PDB file of N, CA and C in Angstrom:
ATOM      1  N   MET A   1      45.862  12.931   7.548  1.00  0.00           N
ATOM      2  CA  MET A   1      45.198  12.813   7.492  1.00  0.00           C
ATOM      3  C   MET A   1      44.158  12.427   8.245  1.00  0.00           C
ATOM      4  N   LEU A   2      43.949  11.362   9.076  1.00  0.00           N
ATOM      5  CA  LEU A   2      43.145  11.126  10.238  1.00  0.00           C
ATOM      6  C   LEU A   2      42.776  12.789  11.162  1.00  0.00           C
ATOM      7  N   THR A   3      43.925  13.257  11.166  1.00  0.00           N
ATOM      8  CA  THR A   3      43.258  14.198  11.996  1.00  0.00           C
ATOM      9  C   THR A   3      42.687  15.629  11.430  1.00  0.00           C
ATOM     10  N   LEU A   4      42.880  15.379  10.107  1.00  0.00           N
ATOM     11  CA  LEU A   4      42.243  16.240   9.589  1.00  0.00           C
ATOM     12  C   LEU A   4      40.414  15.889   9.265  1.00  0.00           C
ATOM     13  N   ALA A   5      40.260  14.563   8.545  1.00  0.00           N
ATOM     14  CA  ALA A   5      39.244  14.361   9.125  1.00  0.00           C
ATOM     15  C   ALA A   5      38.633  14.163  10.080  1.00  0.00           C
ATOM     16  N   THR A   6      39.010  13.762  11.680  1.00  0.00           N
ATOM     17  CA  THR A   6      38.674  14.114  12.725  1.00  0.00           C
ATOM     18  C   THR A   6      38.224  15.578  12.988  1.00  0.00           C
ATOM     19  N   PHE A   7      38.820  16.180  12.647  1.00  0.00           N
ATOM     20  CA  PHE A   7      38.381  17.731  12.513  1.00  0.00           C
ATOM     21  C   PHE A   7      37.676  18.274  12.195  1.00  0.00           C
ATOM     22  N   TRP A   8      37.045  17.671  10.724  1.00  0.00           N
ATOM     23  CA  TRP A   8      35.977  17.969  10.732  1.00  0.00           C
ATOM     24  C   TRP A   8      34.609  17.313  10.372  1.00  0.00           C
ATOM     25  N   VAL A   9      34.514  15.523  11.172  1.00  0.00           N
ATOM     26  CA  VAL A   9      33.321  15.314  11.855  1.00  0.00           C
ATOM     27  C   VAL A   9      33.482  15.955  13.394  1.00  0.00           C
ATOM     28  N   ALA A  10      34.462  16.190  13.960  1.00  0.00           N
ATOM     29  CA  ALA A  10      33.675  17.418  15.123  1.00  0.00           C
ATOM     30  C   ALA A  10      32.928  18.683  14.491  1.00  0.00           C
ATOM     31  N   ASP A  11      33.798  18.834  13.736  1.00  0.00           N
ATOM     32  CA  ASP A  11      33.053  19.897  13.097  1.00  0.00           C
ATOM     33  C   ASP A  11      31.436  19.920  13.092  1.00  0.00           C
ATOM     34  N   ARG A  12      31.292  19.188  12.103  1.00  0.00           N
ATOM     35  CA  ARG A  12      29.619  18.717  12.094  1.00  0.00           C
ATOM     36  C   ARG A  12      29.076  18.233  12.773  1.00  0.00           C
ATOM     37  N   LEU A  13      29.699  17.658  13.567  1.00  0.00           N
ATOM     38  CA  LEU A  13      29.131  17.245  14.790  1.00  0.00           C
ATOM     39  C   LEU A  13      28.921  18.183  15.933  1.00  0.00           C
ATOM     40  N   LEU A  14      29.737  19.289  15.927  1.00  0.00           N
ATOM     41  CA  LEU A  14      29.121  20.198  16.810  1.00  0.00           C
ATOM     42  C   LEU A  14      28.256  21.299  15.975  1.00  0.00           C
ATOM     43  N   ARG A  15      28.776  21.148  15.144  1.00  0.00           N
ATOM     44  CA  ARG A  15      27.589  22.439  14.434  1.00  0.00           C
ATOM     45  C   ARG A  15      25.682  21.219  14.102  1.00  0.00           C
ATOM     46  N   ALA A  16      25.558  20.492  14.555  1.00  0.00           N
ATOM     47  CA  ALA A  16      24.791  19.746  14.806  1.00  0.00           C
ATOM     48  C   ALA A  16      23.952  20.104  15.682  1.00  0.00           C
ATOM     49  N   GLY A  17      25.245  19.623  17.115  1.00  0.00           N
ATOM     50  CA  GLY A  17      24.866  19.289  18.326  1.00  0.00           C
ATOM     51  C   GLY A  17      24.227  21.171  18.626  1.00  0.00           C
ATOM     52  N   ALA A  18      24.880  22.307  17.965  1.00  0.00           N
ATOM     53  CA  ALA A  18      24.064  23.220  18.402  1.00  0.00           C
ATOM     54  C   ALA A  18      22.868  23.615  17.860  1.00  0.00           C
ATOM     55  N   VAL A  19      22.476  23.097  16.724  1.00  0.00           N
ATOM     56  CA  VAL A  19      21.599  23.271  16.505  1.00  0.00           C
ATOM     57  C   VAL A  19      20.247  22.644  17.012  1.00  0.00           C
ATOM     58  N   ARG A  20      20.886  21.137  17.796  1.00  0.00           N
ATOM     59  CA  ARG A  20      19.422  20.214  18.465  1.00  0.00           C
ATOM     60  C   ARG A  20      19.896  20.932  19.377  1.00  0.00           C
ATOM     61  N   TRP A  21      20.507  21.205  20.114  1.00  0.00           N
ATOM     62  CA  TRP A  21      20.201  21.556  21.996  1.00  0.00           C
ATOM     63  C   TRP A  21      20.180  23.246  22.086  1.00  0.00           C
ATOM     64  N   GLY A  22      19.923  24.526  20.830  1.00  0.00           N
ATOM     65  CA  GLY A  22      19.488  25.667  20.693  1.00  0.00           C
ATOM     66  C   GLY A  22      20.764  26.061  21.184  1.00  0.00           C
ATOM     67  N   LEU A  23      21.833  26.270  20.967  1.00  0.00           N
ATOM     68  CA  LEU A  23      22.605  26.591  21.122  1.00  0.00           C
ATOM     69  C   LEU A  23      23.107  27.827  20.453  1.00  0.00           C
ATOM     70  N   GLY A  24      23.312  29.010  20.430  1.00  0.00           N
ATOM     71  CA  GLY A  24      23.591  30.390  19.702  1.00  0.00           C
ATOM     72  C   GLY A  24      25.028  30.485  18.652  1.00  0.00           C
ATOM     73  N   GLY A  25      25.489  28.773  18.418  1.00  0.00           N
ATOM     74  CA  GLY A  25      26.694  28.569  17.307  1.00  0.00           C
ATOM     75  C   GLY A  25      27.582  27.722  18.501  1.00  0.00           C
ATOM     76  N   ILE A  26      28.819  27.393  17.259  1.00  0.00           N
ATOM     77  CA  ILE A  26      29.658  26.480  17.684  1.00  0.00           C
ATOM     78  C   ILE A  26      29.880  26.864  18.979  1.00  0.00           C
ATOM     79  N   ALA A  27      30.165  28.405  19.065  1.00  0.00           N
ATOM     80  CA  ALA A  27      31.711  29.049  20.556  1.00  0.00           C
ATOM     81  C   ALA A  27      30.148  28.994  21.251  1.00  0.00           C
ATOM     82  N   ASP A  28      29.338  29.153  21.583  1.00  0.00           N
ATOM     83  CA  ASP A  28      28.214  29.136  22.518  1.00  0.00           C
ATOM     84  C   ASP A  28      29.111  28.468  23.774  1.00  0.00           C
ATOM     85  N   PRO A  29      29.713  29.131  24.936  1.00  0.00           N
ATOM     86  CA  PRO A  29      30.340  28.376  26.344  1.00  0.00           C
ATOM     87  C   PRO A  29      28.727  27.454  26.647  1.00  0.00           C
ATOM     88  N   ALA A  30      27.850  27.331  26.747  1.00  0.00           N
ATOM     89  CA  ALA A  30      26.878  26.374  27.319  1.00  0.00           C
ATOM     90  C   ALA A  30      26.920  25.109  26.491  1.00  0.00           C
ATOM     91  N   GLY A  31      27.772  25.425  25.477  1.00  0.00           N
ATOM     92  CA  GLY A  31      27.755  23.566  24.521  1.00  0.00           C
ATOM     93  C   GLY A  31      29.427  23.062  24.776  1.00  0.00           C
ATOM     94  N   LEU A  32      29.779  23.296  25.514  1.00  0.00           N
ATOM     95  CA  LEU A  32      31.100  23.131  26.375  1.00  0.00           C
ATOM     96  C   LEU A  32      31.105  21.756  26.469  1.00  0.00           C
ATOM     97  N   PRO A  33      29.671  20.784  27.165  1.00  0.00           N
ATOM     98  CA  PRO A  33      29.507  19.341  27.424  1.00  0.00           C
ATOM     99  C   PRO A  33      29.943  18.640  26.199  1.00  0.00           C
ATOM    100  N   TRP A  34      28.932  19.490  25.121  1.00  0.00           N
ATOM    101  CA  TRP A  34      28.745  18.726  23.975  1.00  0.00           C
ATOM    102  C   TRP A  34      30.065  18.824  23.264  1.00  0.00           C
ATOM    103  N   LEU A  35      30.876  19.714  23.134  1.00  0.00           N
ATOM    104  CA  LEU A  35      32.009  19.495  22.412  1.00  0.00           C
ATOM    105  C   LEU A  35      33.055  18.487  23.211  1.00  0.00           C
ATOM    106  N   ALA A  36      32.908  18.431  24.618  1.00  0.00           N
ATOM    107  CA  ALA A  36      34.021  17.255  25.409  1.00  0.00           C
ATOM    108  C   ALA A  36      33.337  16.505  25.113  1.00  0.00           C
ATOM    109  N   LEU A  37      31.888  16.151  24.835  1.00  0.00           N
ATOM    110  CA  LEU A  37      31.635  14.447  24.394  1.00  0.00           C
ATOM    111  C   LEU A  37      31.975  13.928  22.764  1.00  0.00           C
ATOM    112  N   VAL A  38      31.486  15.484  22.655  1.00  0.00           N
ATOM    113  CA  VAL A  38      32.247  14.941  20.977  1.00  0.00           C
ATOM    114  C   VAL A  38      33.421  14.942  20.559  1.00  0.00           C
ATOM    115  N   LEU A  39      34.627  15.432  21.759  1.00  0.00           N
ATOM    116  CA  LEU A  39      36.077  15.081  21.342  1.00  0.00           C
ATOM    117  C   LEU A  39      36.449  13.763  21.989  1.00  0.00           C
ATOM    118  N   LEU A  40      35.260  13.091  23.095  1.00  0.00           N
ATOM    119  CA  LEU A  40      35.718  12.343  23.994  1.00  0.00           C
ATOM    120  C   LEU A  40      35.395  10.715  22.859  1.00  0.00           C
ATOM    121  N   ALA A  41      34.387  10.942  21.884  1.00  0.00           N
ATOM    122  CA  ALA A  41      33.949   9.714  21.489  1.00  0.00           C
ATOM    123  C   ALA A  41      34.824   9.815  19.908  1.00  0.00           C
ATOM    124  N   LEU A  42      35.113  11.000  19.881  1.00  0.00           N
ATOM    125  CA  LEU A  42      36.124  10.795  18.469  1.00  0.00           C
ATOM    126  C   LEU A  42      37.503  10.317  18.849  1.00  0.00           C
ATOM    127  N   GLY A  43      37.817  10.227  20.271  1.00  0.00           N
ATOM    128  CA  GLY A  43      39.515   9.924  20.086  1.00  0.00           C
ATOM    129  C   GLY A  43      39.315   8.575  21.411  1.00  0.00           C
ATOM    130  N   LEU A  44      37.922   7.953  21.635  1.00  0.00           N
ATOM    131  CA  LEU A  44      37.756   6.512  21.811  1.00  0.00           C
ATOM    132  C   LEU A  44      38.111   5.677  20.190  1.00  0.00           C
ATOM    133  N   ILE A  45      37.541   6.490  19.421  1.00  0.00           N
ATOM    134  CA  ILE A  45      37.827   5.707  17.589  1.00  0.00           C
ATOM    135  C   ILE A  45      39.399   6.054  17.252  1.00  0.00           C
ATOM    136  N   THR A  46      39.678   7.115  17.011  1.00  0.00           N
ATOM    137  CA  THR A  46      40.533   7.693  16.609  1.00  0.00           C
ATOM    138  C   THR A  46      42.431   7.314  17.124  1.00  0.00           C
ATOM    139  N   ALA A  47      42.493   6.970  18.438  1.00  0.00           N
ATOM    140  CA  ALA A  47      43.399   6.878  19.048  1.00  0.00           C
ATOM    141  C   ALA A  47      44.189   5.390  18.722  1.00  0.00           C
ATOM    142  N   PRO A  48      43.016   4.796  18.823  1.00  0.00           N
ATOM    143  CA  PRO A  48      43.754   2.879  18.379  1.00  0.00           C
ATOM    144  C   PRO A  48      44.336   3.138  16.870  1.00  0.00           C
ATOM    145  N   LEU A  49      43.583   3.992  15.908  1.00  0.00           N
ATOM    146  CA  LEU A  49      43.874   3.928  14.792  1.00  0.00           C
ATOM    147  C   LEU A  49      45.336   4.283  14.231  1.00  0.00           C
ATOM    148  N   ALA A  50      45.410   5.786  15.159  1.00  0.00           N
ATOM    149  CA  ALA A  50      46.646   6.579  15.446  1.00  0.00           C
ATOM    150  C   ALA A  50      47.752   5.488  15.818  1.00  0.00           C
ATOM    151  N   ASN A  51      47.576   4.829  16.940  1.00  0.00           N
ATOM    152  CA  ASN A  51      48.751   3.692  17.295  1.00  0.00           C
ATOM    153  C   ASN A  51      49.156   2.898  16.522  1.00  0.00           C
ATOM    154  N   ALA A  52      48.276   2.091  16.310  1.00  0.00           N
ATOM    155  CA  ALA A  52      48.054   0.971  15.310  1.00  0.00           C
ATOM    156  C   ALA A  52      49.460   1.658  13.875  1.00  0.00           C
ATOM    157  N   PHE A  53      49.473   2.955  13.460  1.00  0.00           N
ATOM    158  CA  PHE A  53      50.480   3.903  12.480  1.00  0.00           C
ATOM    159  C   PHE A  53      51.701   3.633  13.212  1.00  0.00           C
ATOM    160  N   SER A  54      51.279   4.428  14.450  1.00  0.00           N
ATOM    161  CA  SER A  54      52.569   4.291  15.623  1.00  0.00           C
ATOM    162  C   SER A  54      53.220   3.260  14.924  1.00  0.00           C
ATOM    163  N   ARG A  55      53.095   2.146  15.772  1.00  0.00           N
ATOM    164  CA  ARG A  55      53.553   0.599  16.049  1.00  0.00           C
ATOM    165  C   ARG A  55      54.010  -0.312  15.027  1.00  0.00           C
ATOM    166  N   ARG A  56      53.232   0.268  13.683  1.00  0.00           N
ATOM    167  CA  ARG A  56      54.049   0.154  12.348  1.00  0.00           C
ATOM    168  C   ARG A  56      55.223   0.987  11.778  1.00  0.00           C
ATOM    169  N   ILE A  57      55.445   2.093  12.165  1.00  0.00           N
ATOM    170  CA  ILE A  57      56.297   2.852  12.087  1.00  0.00           C
ATOM    171  C   ILE A  57      57.571   2.232  12.873  1.00  0.00           C
ATOM    172  N   GLU A  58      56.991   1.748  14.058  1.00  0.00           N
ATOM    173  CA  GLU A  58      58.494   1.733  15.098  1.00  0.00           C
ATOM    174  C   GLU A  58      58.802   0.190  14.786  1.00  0.00           C
ATOM    175  N   CYS A  59      58.190  -0.970  14.054  1.00  0.00           N
ATOM    176  CA  CYS A  59      58.794  -1.804  13.393  1.00  0.00           C
ATOM    177  C   CYS A  59      59.730  -1.541  12.086  1.00  0.00           C
ATOM    178  N   GLN A  60      59.350  -0.744  11.627  1.00  0.00           N
ATOM    179  CA  GLN A  60      60.472  -0.151   9.976  1.00  0.00           C
ATOM    180  C   GLN A  60      61.833   0.336  10.843  1.00  0.00           C
ATOM    181  N   ALA A  61      61.109   1.162  12.301  1.00  0.00           N
ATOM    182  CA  ALA A  61      62.488   1.249  12.545  1.00  0.00           C
ATOM    183  C   ALA A  61      63.361  -0.012  13.005  1.00  0.00           C
ATOM    184  N   ASP A  62      62.847  -0.363  13.399  1.00  0.00           N
ATOM    185  CA  ASP A  62      63.743  -1.865  14.359  1.00  0.00           C
ATOM    186  C   ASP A  62      64.148  -2.546  13.087  1.00  0.00           C
ATOM    187  N   ASP A  63      63.557  -2.567  11.687  1.00  0.00           N
ATOM    188  CA  ASP A  63      64.097  -3.541  10.932  1.00  0.00           C
ATOM    189  C   ASP A  63      65.391  -2.542  10.374  1.00  0.00           C
ATOM    190  N   PHE A  64      65.083  -1.280   9.998  1.00  0.00           N
ATOM    191  CA  PHE A  64      66.389  -0.026   9.576  1.00  0.00           C
ATOM    192  C   PHE A  64      67.374  -0.602  10.791  1.00  0.00           C
ATOM    193  N   ALA A  65      67.263  -0.398  11.646  1.00  0.00           N
ATOM    194  CA  ALA A  65      68.293  -0.630  12.690  1.00  0.00           C
ATOM    195  C   ALA A  65      69.145  -1.814  12.593  1.00  0.00           C
ATOM    196  N   LEU A  66      68.446  -3.186  12.514  1.00  0.00           N
ATOM    197  CA  LEU A  66      69.151  -4.266  12.177  1.00  0.00           C
ATOM    198  C   LEU A  66      69.294  -4.508  10.749  1.00  0.00           C
ATOM    199  N   ALA A  67      68.898  -3.783   9.881  1.00  0.00           N
ATOM    200  CA  ALA A  67      69.700  -3.681   8.873  1.00  0.00           C
ATOM    201  C   ALA A  67      70.825  -3.258   8.474  1.00  0.00           C
ATOM    202  N   THR A  68      70.680  -1.771   9.658  1.00  0.00           N
ATOM    203  CA  THR A  68      71.662  -1.003   9.405  1.00  0.00           C
ATOM    204  C   THR A  68      73.156  -1.678  10.019  1.00  0.00           C
ATOM    205  N   THR A  69      73.085  -2.164  10.960  1.00  0.00           N
ATOM    206  CA  THR A  69      74.121  -2.531  12.171  1.00  0.00           C
ATOM    207  C   THR A  69      74.340  -3.774  12.101  1.00  0.00           C
ATOM    208  N   ARG A  70      73.510  -5.137  11.727  1.00  0.00           N
ATOM    209  CA  ARG A  70      73.517  -6.563  11.524  1.00  0.00           C
ATOM    210  C   ARG A  70      74.016  -6.415  13.289  1.00  0.00           C
ATOM    211  N   ASN A  71      73.574  -6.520  14.027  1.00  0.00           N
ATOM    212  CA  ASN A  71      73.818  -6.939  15.268  1.00  0.00           C
ATOM    213  C   ASN A  71      72.657  -7.150  16.132  1.00  0.00           C
ATOM    214  N   VAL A  72      72.408  -8.053  16.069  1.00  0.00           N
ATOM    215  CA  VAL A  72      70.959  -8.519  16.575  1.00  0.00           C
ATOM    216  C   VAL A  72      70.995  -8.915  18.010  1.00  0.00           C
ATOM    217  N   PRO A  73      72.481  -9.313  18.407  1.00  0.00           N
ATOM    218  CA  PRO A  73      72.580  -9.277  19.868  1.00  0.00           C
ATOM    219  C   PRO A  73      72.573  -7.818  20.462  1.00  0.00           C
ATOM    220  N   ALA A  74      73.056  -6.760  20.137  1.00  0.00           N
ATOM    221  CA  ALA A  74      73.479  -5.316  20.187  1.00  0.00           C
ATOM    222  C   ALA A  74      71.664  -4.983  20.288  1.00  0.00           C
ATOM    223  N   PHE A  75      70.817  -4.862  19.010  1.00  0.00           N
ATOM    224  CA  PHE A  75      69.156  -4.656  19.621  1.00  0.00           C
ATOM    225  C   PHE A  75      68.406  -5.426  20.560  1.00  0.00           C
ATOM    226  N   VAL A  76      68.440  -6.722  20.739  1.00  0.00           N
ATOM    227  CA  VAL A  76      67.917  -7.238  21.889  1.00  0.00           C
ATOM    228  C   VAL A  76      68.520  -6.595  23.254  1.00  0.00           C
ATOM    229  N   GLY A  77      69.004  -6.671  22.998  1.00  0.00           N
ATOM    230  CA  GLY A  77      70.092  -6.380  24.744  1.00  0.00           C
ATOM    231  C   GLY A  77      69.596  -4.619  24.823  1.00  0.00           C
ATOM    232  N   ALA A  78      69.329  -3.727  24.137  1.00  0.00           N
ATOM    233  CA  ALA A  78      68.878  -2.644  24.372  1.00  0.00           C
ATOM    234  C   ALA A  78      67.375  -2.312  23.895  1.00  0.00           C
ATOM    235  N   ILE A  79      66.577  -3.146  23.474  1.00  0.00           N
ATOM    236  CA  ILE A  79      65.374  -3.410  23.808  1.00  0.00           C
ATOM    237  C   ILE A  79      65.035  -3.809  25.409  1.00  0.00           C
ATOM    238  N   ASP A  80      66.088  -4.934  25.661  1.00  0.00           N
ATOM    239  CA  ASP A  80      65.944  -5.055  27.082  1.00  0.00           C
ATOM    240  C   ASP A  80      65.863  -4.409  28.070  1.00  0.00           C
ATOM    241  N   ARG A  81      66.874  -3.970  27.998  1.00  0.00           N
ATOM    242  CA  ARG A  81      67.508  -2.227  28.826  1.00  0.00           C
ATOM    243  C   ARG A  81      66.253  -1.740  28.733  1.00  0.00           C
ATOM    244  N   LEU A  82      65.946  -1.107  27.789  1.00  0.00           N
ATOM    245  CA  LEU A  82      64.853  -0.272  27.668  1.00  0.00           C
ATOM    246  C   LEU A  82      63.606  -1.237  28.241  1.00  0.00           C
ATOM    247  N   ALA A  83      63.375  -1.387  28.108  1.00  0.00           N
ATOM    248  CA  ALA A  83      62.325  -2.448  28.800  1.00  0.00           C
ATOM    249  C   ALA A  83      62.098  -2.668  30.098  1.00  0.00           C
ATOM    250  N   SER A  84      63.263  -2.087  30.821  1.00  0.00           N
ATOM    251  CA  SER A  84      63.738  -2.314  32.128  1.00  0.00           C
ATOM    252  C   SER A  84      63.715  -0.967  32.804  1.00  0.00           C
ATOM    253  N   LEU A  85      64.191  -0.238  31.881  1.00  0.00           N
ATOM    254  CA  LEU A  85      64.578   1.156  32.530  1.00  0.00           C
ATOM    255  C   LEU A  85      62.862   1.879  32.162  1.00  0.00           C
ATOM    256  N   ASN A  86      62.160   1.661  31.353  1.00  0.00           N
ATOM    257  CA  ASN A  86      61.016   2.214  31.288  1.00  0.00           C
ATOM    258  C   ASN A  86      59.534   1.061  31.823  1.00  0.00           C
ATOM    259  N   LEU A  87      60.342  -0.167  32.748  1.00  0.00           N
ATOM    260  CA  LEU A  87      59.056  -0.812  33.572  1.00  0.00           C
ATOM    261  C   LEU A  87      57.988  -1.311  32.595  1.00  0.00           C
ATOM    262  N   ALA A  88      58.790  -1.452  31.018  1.00  0.00           N
ATOM    263  CA  ALA A  88      57.930  -2.168  29.993  1.00  0.00           C
ATOM    264  C   ALA A  88      56.698  -3.216  30.271  1.00  0.00           C
ATOM    265  N   GLU A  89      55.236  -3.428  30.272  1.00  0.00           N
ATOM    266  CA  GLU A  89      55.202  -4.904  30.396  1.00  0.00           C
ATOM    267  C   GLU A  89      55.422  -5.517  29.225  1.00  0.00           C
ATOM    268  N   ARG A  90      56.209  -7.002  28.758  1.00  0.00           N
ATOM    269  CA  ARG A  90      56.769  -7.318  27.813  1.00  0.00           C
ATOM    270  C   ARG A  90      55.648  -7.934  27.168  1.00  0.00           C
ATOM    271  N   ARG A  91      54.771  -8.508  28.038  1.00  0.00           N
ATOM    272  CA  ARG A  91      53.331  -9.326  26.786  1.00  0.00           C
ATOM    273  C   ARG A  91      52.176  -8.797  27.768  1.00  0.00           C
ATOM    274  N   PRO A  92      51.688  -7.833  27.243  1.00  0.00           N
ATOM    275  CA  PRO A  92      50.350  -6.946  27.093  1.00  0.00           C
ATOM    276  C   PRO A  92      49.294  -8.129  26.500  1.00  0.00           C
ATOM    277  N   ASN A  93      48.015  -7.751  27.555  1.00  0.00           N
ATOM    278  CA  ASN A  93      46.840  -8.250  26.500  1.00  0.00           C
ATOM    279  C   ASN A  93      47.401  -7.710  25.152  1.00  0.00           C
ATOM    280  N   ARG A  94      46.662  -8.940  24.259  1.00  0.00           N
ATOM    281  CA  ARG A  94      46.724  -8.228  22.450  1.00  0.00           C
ATOM    282  C   ARG A  94      45.827  -7.111  22.585  1.00  0.00           C
ATOM    283  N   LEU A  95      44.472  -7.250  22.853  1.00  0.00           N
ATOM    284  CA  LEU A  95      43.491  -6.090  22.853  1.00  0.00           C
ATOM    285  C   LEU A  95      44.216  -5.013  23.564  1.00  0.00           C
ATOM    286  N   GLU A  96      44.687  -5.047  24.058  1.00  0.00           N
ATOM    287  CA  GLU A  96      45.420  -3.707  25.370  1.00  0.00           C
ATOM    288  C   GLU A  96      46.628  -3.513  24.208  1.00  0.00           C
ATOM    289  N   GLU A  97      46.868  -4.098  23.899  1.00  0.00           N
ATOM    290  CA  GLU A  97      48.380  -3.398  22.813  1.00  0.00           C
ATOM    291  C   GLU A  97      47.513  -2.781  21.914  1.00  0.00           C
ATOM    292  N   LEU A  98      46.712  -3.538  20.569  1.00  0.00           N
ATOM    293  CA  LEU A  98      46.274  -2.776  20.047  1.00  0.00           C
ATOM    294  C   LEU A  98      45.817  -1.648  20.308  1.00  0.00           C
ATOM    295  N   LEU A  99      44.958  -1.321  21.565  1.00  0.00           N
ATOM    296  CA  LEU A  99      44.563  -0.020  21.645  1.00  0.00           C
ATOM    297  C   LEU A  99      45.064   1.157  22.153  1.00  0.00           C
ATOM    298  N   LEU A 100      45.955   0.907  22.991  1.00  0.00           N
ATOM    299  CA  LEU A 100      46.482   1.533  23.912  1.00  0.00           C
ATOM    300  C   LEU A 100      48.267   1.912  23.477  1.00  0.00           C
ATOM    301  N   TYR A 101      48.595   0.931  22.596  1.00  0.00           N
ATOM    302  CA  TYR A 101      50.289   1.283  22.523  1.00  0.00           C
ATOM    303  C   TYR A 101      50.933   1.750  21.288  1.00  0.00           C
ATOM    304  N   THR A 102      51.546   2.157  21.439  1.00  0.00           N
ATOM    305  CA  THR A 102      52.495   3.178  20.302  1.00  0.00           C
ATOM    306  C   THR A 102      53.444   2.460  19.845  1.00  0.00           C
ATOM    307  N   HIS A 103      54.078   1.284  20.357  1.00  0.00           N
ATOM    308  CA  HIS A 103      55.161   0.653  20.160  1.00  0.00           C
ATOM    309  C   HIS A 103      54.722  -0.820  20.387  1.00  0.00           C
ATOM    310  N   PRO A 104      54.850  -1.734  19.434  1.00  0.00           N
ATOM    311  CA  PRO A 104      55.242  -3.065  19.575  1.00  0.00           C
ATOM    312  C   PRO A 104      55.438  -3.365  21.210  1.00  0.00           C
ATOM    313  N   ALA A 105      54.746  -4.150  21.761  1.00  0.00           N
ATOM    314  CA  ALA A 105      55.485  -5.401  22.966  1.00  0.00           C
ATOM    315  C   ALA A 105      56.368  -5.805  22.610  1.00  0.00           C
ATOM    316  N   ILE A 106      57.418  -5.729  23.830  1.00  0.00           N
ATOM    317  CA  ILE A 106      58.360  -6.157  24.000  1.00  0.00           C
ATOM    318  C   ILE A 106      58.918  -7.219  23.405  1.00  0.00           C
ATOM    319  N   ASP A 107      58.205  -8.103  24.182  1.00  0.00           N
ATOM    320  CA  ASP A 107      58.224  -9.786  23.138  1.00  0.00           C
ATOM    321  C   ASP A 107      57.857  -9.671  21.863  1.00  0.00           C
ATOM    322  N   ARG A 108      57.181  -9.246  21.073  1.00  0.00           N
ATOM    323  CA  ARG A 108      56.633  -9.082  19.960  1.00  0.00           C
ATOM    324  C   ARG A 108      57.755  -8.136  19.091  1.00  0.00           C
ATOM    325  N   ARG A 109      58.463  -7.296  19.734  1.00  0.00           N
ATOM    326  CA  ARG A 109      59.505  -7.186  18.953  1.00  0.00           C
ATOM    327  C   ARG A 109      60.791  -8.013  18.757  1.00  0.00           C
ATOM    328  N   LEU A 110      61.252  -8.773  20.173  1.00  0.00           N
ATOM    329  CA  LEU A 110      61.954  -9.660  19.928  1.00  0.00           C
ATOM    330  C   LEU A 110      61.786 -10.644  19.098  1.00  0.00           C
ATOM    331  N   ALA A 111      60.736 -10.968  19.264  1.00  0.00           N
ATOM    332  CA  ALA A 111      60.549 -12.228  18.324  1.00  0.00           C
ATOM    333  C   ALA A 111      60.351 -11.961  16.625  1.00  0.00           C
ATOM    334  N   ARG A 112      60.256 -11.173  15.975  1.00  0.00           N
ATOM    335  CA  ARG A 112      60.441 -10.743  14.866  1.00  0.00           C
ATOM    336  C   ARG A 112      61.713 -10.985  15.005  1.00  0.00           C
ATOM    337  N   HIS A 113      63.052 -10.535  15.222  1.00  0.00           N
ATOM    338  CA  HIS A 113      64.007 -10.801  14.814  1.00  0.00           C
ATOM    339  C   HIS A 113      64.733 -12.003  15.880  1.00  0.00           C
ATOM    340  N   ALA A 114      64.600 -12.360  15.739  1.00  0.00           N
ATOM    341  CA  ALA A 114      64.902 -14.036  17.064  1.00  0.00           C
ATOM    342  C   ALA A 114      65.878 -14.440  16.055  1.00  0.00           C
ATOM    343  N   SER A 115      65.573 -15.101  14.721  1.00  0.00           N
ATOM    344  CA  SER A 115      66.610 -15.736  13.969  1.00  0.00           C
ATOM    345  C   SER A 115      66.959 -14.747  12.626  1.00  0.00           C
ATOM    346  N   PRO A 116      68.285 -14.210  12.795  1.00  0.00           N
ATOM    347  CA  PRO A 116      68.427 -13.225  11.522  1.00  0.00           C
ATOM    348  C   PRO A 116      68.561 -13.728  10.301  1.00  0.00           C
ATOM    349  N   ALA A 117      67.870 -13.231   8.920  1.00  0.00           N
ATOM    350  CA  ALA A 117      67.971 -13.891   7.689  1.00  0.00           C
ATOM    351  C   ALA A 117      69.544 -13.454   7.826  1.00  0.00           C
ATOM    352  N   PRO A 118      69.794 -14.077   6.251  1.00  0.00           N
ATOM    353  CA  PRO A 118      71.366 -13.812   5.936  1.00  0.00           C
ATOM    354  C   PRO A 118      71.650 -12.455   5.180  1.00  0.00           C
ATOM    355  N   GLY A 119      72.464 -11.663   5.758  1.00  0.00           N
ATOM    356  CA  GLY A 119      72.456 -10.283   5.143  1.00  0.00           C
ATOM    357  C   GLY A 119      71.682  -8.988   5.601  1.00  0.00           C
ATOM    358  N   GLY A 120      71.123  -9.421   6.806  1.00  0.00           N
ATOM    359  CA  GLY A 120      70.189  -8.196   7.446  1.00  0.00           C
ATOM    360  C   GLY A 120      69.363  -9.085   8.688  1.00  0.00           C
ATOM    361  N   ALA A 121      68.143  -8.052   8.806  1.00  0.00           N
ATOM    362  CA  ALA A 121      66.962  -8.533   9.862  1.00  0.00           C
ATOM    363  C   ALA A 121      66.138  -9.566   9.531  1.00  0.00           C
ATOM    364  N   SER A 122      65.585  -9.935   9.825  1.00  0.00           N
ATOM    365  CA  SER A 122      64.553 -11.329   9.575  1.00  0.00           C
ATOM    366  C   SER A 122      62.906 -10.413   9.993  1.00  0.00           C
ATOM    367  N   ARG A 123      62.029 -11.141   9.408  1.00  0.00           N
ATOM    368  CA  ARG A 123      60.599 -10.384   9.569  1.00  0.00           C
ATOM    369  C   ARG A 123      59.826 -11.426  10.308  1.00  0.00           C
TER     370      ARG A 123
END
């Protein structure tokens, strides 16, 4: 839905810009700077939204893995190993995480499951 909404807004902005800048339409090559500006602006707005959705899905995946395996030490070991292999920042600035990260920060993921609830993963 976000992609469709973004394309719809981009279409409206490109058409308005073509009229405003006196272009021969949205396919006019002279409008490439306008296209770049529109796509940049929309990307700055939509990327944090898409990243938030991705982080939510990753939390659900962690919960599913722990509910399935019921093995918190293995989960912690796997996350630690992935963090080491990927040279991940364990505790990034919260604003940086909100704007740029597609996965929850390592320490945040581990803290969510520090003490397992009976019969499965904790929240």
